[in-house]
Amino acid sequence: PTSLRINQQGTWTATATDANKDDLTWSVNWGEGKSTETCKVNPPIGTSQNWSYTASHSWTQSGTFKVTLYATDCKGGTTTKSITVNVN
């Protein structure tokens, strides 16, 4: 979601692929000085190269927050995706 009420939880899901089948580490900057980091995710060998990540968050104050998701492989490659969430 791009719009939430104060204390309403939103849930976001992202997917990424790595051409070398490296493990991915996910992290999220919630735009308020808080972040979430995860363990490495690695699909079973012989399956698709898609990795997915789901995160939930709520805000205790109103405002416009830039949420940035990072997927990083073990060789330092990183991709990001940002959205703006309006909370009122």
N, C-alpha and C. Protein backbone atom coordinates (compact mmCIF):
# COMPACT_ATOMS: atom_id res chain seq x y z
N PRO A 1 0.82 -1.21 0.00
CA PRO A 1 0.00 0.00 0.00
C PRO A 1 0.86 1.26 0.00
N THR A 2 0.33 2.32 -0.56
CA THR A 2 1.03 3.60 -0.55
C THR A 2 0.35 4.61 0.38
N SER A 3 -0.72 4.18 1.03
CA SER A 3 -1.42 5.04 1.98
C SER A 3 -1.93 4.18 3.14
N LEU A 4 -1.62 4.62 4.36
CA LEU A 4 -2.04 3.89 5.56
C LEU A 4 -2.49 4.89 6.63
N ARG A 5 -3.21 4.38 7.61
CA ARG A 5 -3.55 5.17 8.78
C ARG A 5 -2.48 4.94 9.85
N ILE A 6 -2.37 5.83 10.80
CA ILE A 6 -1.45 5.65 11.92
C ILE A 6 -1.76 4.32 12.59
N ASN A 7 -0.72 3.54 12.88
CA ASN A 7 -0.77 2.21 13.51
C ASN A 7 -1.40 1.12 12.63
N GLN A 8 -1.75 1.42 11.40
CA GLN A 8 -2.24 0.39 10.49
C GLN A 8 -1.04 -0.30 9.85
N GLN A 9 -1.02 -1.61 9.89
CA GLN A 9 0.11 -2.36 9.34
C GLN A 9 -0.05 -2.58 7.85
N GLY A 10 1.01 -2.30 7.13
CA GLY A 10 1.06 -2.58 5.69
C GLY A 10 2.02 -3.74 5.46
N THR A 11 1.79 -4.49 4.39
CA THR A 11 2.65 -5.62 4.04
C THR A 11 3.06 -5.48 2.58
N TRP A 12 4.34 -5.67 2.31
CA TRP A 12 4.89 -5.55 0.97
C TRP A 12 5.67 -6.81 0.65
N THR A 13 5.61 -7.23 -0.61
CA THR A 13 6.37 -8.39 -1.08
C THR A 13 7.18 -7.98 -2.30
N ALA A 14 8.44 -8.44 -2.32
CA ALA A 14 9.33 -8.15 -3.45
C ALA A 14 9.99 -9.44 -3.90
N THR A 15 10.39 -9.46 -5.15
CA THR A 15 11.16 -10.58 -5.67
C THR A 15 12.39 -10.05 -6.39
N ALA A 16 13.42 -10.87 -6.42
CA ALA A 16 14.65 -10.52 -7.14
C ALA A 16 15.27 -11.80 -7.65
N THR A 17 16.10 -11.68 -8.64
CA THR A 17 16.86 -12.82 -9.15
C THR A 17 18.33 -12.47 -9.15
N ASP A 18 19.16 -13.48 -9.10
CA ASP A 18 20.60 -13.28 -9.20
C ASP A 18 21.12 -14.20 -10.30
N ALA A 19 21.76 -13.63 -11.28
CA ALA A 19 22.22 -14.40 -12.45
C ALA A 19 23.20 -15.50 -12.08
N ASN A 20 23.94 -15.32 -10.98
CA ASN A 20 24.91 -16.32 -10.55
C ASN A 20 24.37 -17.26 -9.48
N LYS A 21 23.08 -17.14 -9.18
CA LYS A 21 22.43 -17.95 -8.14
C LYS A 21 23.02 -17.73 -6.75
N ASP A 22 23.54 -16.53 -6.52
CA ASP A 22 24.08 -16.20 -5.20
C ASP A 22 22.95 -16.04 -4.19
N ASP A 23 23.28 -16.27 -2.92
CA ASP A 23 22.34 -15.99 -1.84
C ASP A 23 22.06 -14.49 -1.82
N LEU A 24 20.87 -14.12 -1.38
CA LEU A 24 20.52 -12.70 -1.24
C LEU A 24 20.26 -12.38 0.22
N THR A 25 20.66 -11.20 0.62
CA THR A 25 20.33 -10.66 1.92
C THR A 25 19.41 -9.47 1.68
N TRP A 26 18.29 -9.43 2.38
CA TRP A 26 17.31 -8.36 2.20
C TRP A 26 17.37 -7.40 3.39
N SER A 27 17.14 -6.13 3.12
CA SER A 27 16.97 -5.15 4.19
C SER A 27 16.01 -4.06 3.73
N VAL A 28 15.36 -3.43 4.69
CA VAL A 28 14.39 -2.38 4.40
C VAL A 28 14.69 -1.18 5.28
N ASN A 29 14.73 0.00 4.68
CA ASN A 29 14.78 1.26 5.43
C ASN A 29 13.36 1.81 5.39
N TRP A 30 12.74 1.94 6.53
CA TRP A 30 11.33 2.35 6.61
C TRP A 30 11.14 3.86 6.55
N GLY A 31 12.22 4.63 6.41
CA GLY A 31 12.10 6.08 6.25
C GLY A 31 11.92 6.84 7.54
N GLU A 32 12.15 6.17 8.65
CA GLU A 32 11.99 6.83 9.95
C GLU A 32 13.13 6.47 10.90
N GLY A 33 14.23 6.03 10.34
CA GLY A 33 15.37 5.67 11.16
C GLY A 33 15.35 4.24 11.65
N LYS A 34 14.34 3.47 11.26
CA LYS A 34 14.27 2.06 11.63
C LYS A 34 14.49 1.22 10.39
N SER A 35 15.15 0.08 10.56
CA SER A 35 15.34 -0.81 9.42
C SER A 35 15.13 -2.25 9.85
N THR A 36 14.91 -3.09 8.87
CA THR A 36 14.73 -4.52 9.09
C THR A 36 15.73 -5.24 8.22
N GLU A 37 16.45 -6.19 8.80
CA GLU A 37 17.36 -7.01 8.02
C GLU A 37 16.96 -8.46 8.16
N THR A 38 17.27 -9.25 7.15
CA THR A 38 16.89 -10.66 7.18
C THR A 38 18.10 -11.55 7.00
N CYS A 39 17.86 -12.82 7.25
CA CYS A 39 18.87 -13.83 6.97
C CYS A 39 18.96 -14.03 5.47
N LYS A 40 19.98 -14.73 5.04
CA LYS A 40 20.11 -15.03 3.62
C LYS A 40 19.00 -15.96 3.18
N VAL A 41 18.57 -15.80 1.96
CA VAL A 41 17.52 -16.62 1.37
C VAL A 41 18.13 -17.31 0.16
N ASN A 42 17.97 -18.61 0.06
CA ASN A 42 18.54 -19.34 -1.06
C ASN A 42 17.53 -20.40 -1.50
N PRO A 43 17.06 -20.35 -2.75
CA PRO A 43 16.10 -21.35 -3.19
C PRO A 43 16.77 -22.70 -3.40
N PRO A 44 16.02 -23.79 -3.37
CA PRO A 44 16.61 -25.09 -3.64
C PRO A 44 17.23 -25.13 -5.03
N ILE A 45 18.36 -25.83 -5.15
CA ILE A 45 19.04 -25.95 -6.45
C ILE A 45 18.11 -26.62 -7.45
N GLY A 46 18.12 -26.12 -8.67
CA GLY A 46 17.29 -26.69 -9.72
C GLY A 46 15.92 -26.03 -9.84
N THR A 47 15.62 -25.05 -8.97
CA THR A 47 14.36 -24.32 -9.08
C THR A 47 14.62 -23.00 -9.79
N SER A 48 13.61 -22.19 -9.89
CA SER A 48 13.80 -20.89 -10.54
C SER A 48 14.75 -20.04 -9.71
N GLN A 49 15.25 -18.97 -10.31
CA GLN A 49 16.20 -18.09 -9.63
C GLN A 49 15.50 -16.98 -8.85
N ASN A 50 14.21 -17.09 -8.66
CA ASN A 50 13.49 -16.03 -7.94
C ASN A 50 13.61 -16.21 -6.44
N TRP A 51 13.92 -15.13 -5.79
CA TRP A 51 13.91 -15.08 -4.35
C TRP A 51 12.83 -14.06 -4.01
N SER A 52 12.07 -14.30 -2.97
CA SER A 52 11.07 -13.31 -2.59
C SER A 52 11.18 -13.00 -1.10
N TYR A 53 10.67 -11.84 -0.74
CA TYR A 53 10.76 -11.34 0.62
C TYR A 53 9.49 -10.58 0.93
N THR A 54 8.94 -10.82 2.10
CA THR A 54 7.75 -10.10 2.55
C THR A 54 8.05 -9.43 3.88
N ALA A 55 7.68 -8.16 4.00
CA ALA A 55 7.90 -7.40 5.22
C ALA A 55 6.65 -6.61 5.56
N SER A 56 6.42 -6.44 6.86
CA SER A 56 5.27 -5.66 7.34
C SER A 56 5.78 -4.57 8.27
N HIS A 57 5.04 -3.46 8.30
CA HIS A 57 5.45 -2.35 9.14
C HIS A 57 4.25 -1.43 9.38
N SER A 58 4.29 -0.71 10.49
CA SER A 58 3.31 0.34 10.75
C SER A 58 4.04 1.54 11.33
N TRP A 59 3.44 2.70 11.21
CA TRP A 59 4.02 3.94 11.71
C TRP A 59 3.14 4.48 12.83
N THR A 60 3.77 5.11 13.83
CA THR A 60 3.03 5.65 14.97
C THR A 60 2.76 7.14 14.84
N GLN A 61 3.22 7.73 13.75
CA GLN A 61 2.96 9.15 13.52
C GLN A 61 2.65 9.39 12.06
N SER A 62 1.97 10.48 11.78
CA SER A 62 1.63 10.79 10.40
C SER A 62 2.85 11.37 9.69
N GLY A 63 2.83 11.26 8.37
CA GLY A 63 3.91 11.80 7.57
C GLY A 63 4.02 11.08 6.25
N THR A 64 4.98 11.49 5.46
CA THR A 64 5.29 10.85 4.19
C THR A 64 6.64 10.18 4.36
N PHE A 65 6.68 8.87 4.13
CA PHE A 65 7.87 8.08 4.38
C PHE A 65 8.36 7.41 3.10
N LYS A 66 9.65 7.55 2.82
CA LYS A 66 10.26 6.87 1.68
C LYS A 66 10.78 5.52 2.18
N VAL A 67 10.18 4.46 1.69
CA VAL A 67 10.55 3.10 2.08
C VAL A 67 11.45 2.53 0.98
N THR A 68 12.64 2.07 1.36
CA THR A 68 13.59 1.53 0.39
C THR A 68 13.94 0.10 0.77
N LEU A 69 13.78 -0.79 -0.19
CA LEU A 69 14.12 -2.20 -0.03
C LEU A 69 15.42 -2.48 -0.77
N TYR A 70 16.32 -3.22 -0.13
CA TYR A 70 17.61 -3.56 -0.70
C TYR A 70 17.74 -5.08 -0.80
N ALA A 71 18.18 -5.58 -1.95
CA ALA A 71 18.54 -6.98 -2.11
C ALA A 71 20.01 -7.01 -2.50
N THR A 72 20.83 -7.70 -1.72
CA THR A 72 22.27 -7.72 -1.93
C THR A 72 22.76 -9.15 -2.05
N ASP A 73 23.63 -9.41 -3.04
CA ASP A 73 24.21 -10.75 -3.15
C ASP A 73 25.55 -10.80 -2.43
N CYS A 74 26.13 -11.99 -2.30
CA CYS A 74 27.35 -12.16 -1.51
C CYS A 74 28.58 -11.55 -2.19
N LYS A 75 28.45 -11.09 -3.42
CA LYS A 75 29.58 -10.49 -4.12
C LYS A 75 29.49 -8.97 -4.16
N GLY A 76 28.54 -8.41 -3.44
CA GLY A 76 28.43 -6.96 -3.34
C GLY A 76 27.45 -6.32 -4.31
N GLY A 77 26.82 -7.10 -5.18
CA GLY A 77 25.81 -6.55 -6.07
C GLY A 77 24.56 -6.19 -5.29
N THR A 78 24.01 -5.03 -5.54
CA THR A 78 22.82 -4.56 -4.82
C THR A 78 21.82 -3.97 -5.78
N THR A 79 20.56 -4.23 -5.52
CA THR A 79 19.50 -3.54 -6.23
C THR A 79 18.55 -2.95 -5.19
N THR A 80 17.91 -1.85 -5.53
CA THR A 80 17.00 -1.20 -4.59
C THR A 80 15.69 -0.86 -5.29
N LYS A 81 14.67 -0.73 -4.49
CA LYS A 81 13.35 -0.28 -4.96
C LYS A 81 12.77 0.59 -3.85
N SER A 82 12.30 1.77 -4.21
CA SER A 82 11.72 2.68 -3.23
C SER A 82 10.28 3.01 -3.58
N ILE A 83 9.49 3.19 -2.54
CA ILE A 83 8.12 3.69 -2.70
C ILE A 83 7.89 4.74 -1.62
N THR A 84 6.90 5.57 -1.83
CA THR A 84 6.50 6.56 -0.83
C THR A 84 5.21 6.11 -0.19
N VAL A 85 5.17 6.13 1.14
CA VAL A 85 3.98 5.74 1.88
C VAL A 85 3.50 6.97 2.65
N ASN A 86 2.24 7.34 2.45
CA ASN A 86 1.62 8.45 3.16
C ASN A 86 0.84 7.89 4.34
N VAL A 87 1.13 8.39 5.54
CA VAL A 87 0.47 7.95 6.76
C VAL A 87 -0.27 9.12 7.37
N ASN A 88 -1.57 8.92 7.63
CA ASN A 88 -2.34 9.99 8.28
C ASN A 88 -3.41 9.41 9.16
